[in-house]
Amino acid sequence: MIRAVESVPHVSAPVLAAYSYCEAVTGQQARNFAYGIRLLPTPKRRAMSALYAFSRRVDDIGDGDLPREVKVARLEDTRALLTRVREGGVAEDDTDPVAVALTHASQAFPVPLAGLDELIDGVQMDVRGETYETWDDLKVYCRCVAGAIGRLSLGVFGTEPGARGAERAPEYADTLGLALQLTNILRDVREDAEGGRTYLPADDLAKFGCTAGFNGPTPPEGSDFAGLVHFEVRRARALFAEGYRLLPMLDRRSGACVAAMAGIYRRLLDRIERDPEAVLRGRVSLPGREKAYVAVRGLSGLDTRHVSRRTVRRRA
């Protein structure tokens, strides 16, 4: 059983300030993520913000316009900072608020910090400009940049005492991360192409006549772009279905957080499925009222109860 610490000792003023900084970064840079974590109790919400702020720093290095060699050096500097965090070498009065908050969070919760090393590995793949021939190849990347975040988050959430099958919780958290990342890849296919990146497997692109890429608002001539999108949507739905088995293992508010974040992405997937070419015209997103509905649905436990009933039927 994985169990997070529910009570956190008094938090000093410097640590509170560091958490406030991380929460501000999260609110400004990750609105979908922020909708989910606002459902958590304060200690868990703060810890999740610290994880996000560190992850955002790593992602920003990979996505920036710096020369490749500078990105490589900065990623290694960030890995060295992570080592300091892991070894308790960051004091409360350190000038880096993200390091201060992450240090406190990792002491308050059993967060597997090695997952952040995996994230750095994944961003290094981006810096190297790696492409992926098959889904199995792409899964390696997705596990680094998203599956690892799922496992890190599980360290904060914990599992409920006596939860059946809780030993598989990290696997389900990882799979849910893959589902979210594949949805991101579909949503951002045009934006990534303009940045010189292709994530969808080359085998899939060839199968649907899309090897020419996605540099315009219309699909490549003669391609079955809708077929490609629907194929990847089915793959993502299967990952969501497997990853959702995590929900009954979590406490109510942690389950609501996961259901809200995953629910937003599942609705994005619905929109992409209905109008595949929309991802070539601009970024597909949900209005705030729809995100709020998903959050309320998550807090009500509807998704968790649905998964629980489905699991019982499978066992029967």
Foldseek 3Di string as FASTA:
>chain_A
DQAWQPDDPDDDPLLVVLLVVLLVCCVVPPVLLNLLLVLDPDLLSSLLSLVVSLLVVLVCLLPDDDDLVVSVVVLVVSVVLLVCLVVVNADSPDPNSSSNNNSSSVVRWVFPSVLVVLLSVLSNCSSVQDEAADVVRLLSSLLNNFLSSLRRSCRSFTFDPPDPPVVCLSVLSSLLRSLLVLLVCLLQQQVQVVVVHDYPHPNLCVVFVQPVGQPALDGDPPGPQLVSLVVSLVVSVVSNLSSLLNLLGGPLSNSLSSQLSSVQSNVSSVVCNVPVSVSSVHGGGDDPVVSNVSSVCSNVCPSVVVSVVVVVVVVD
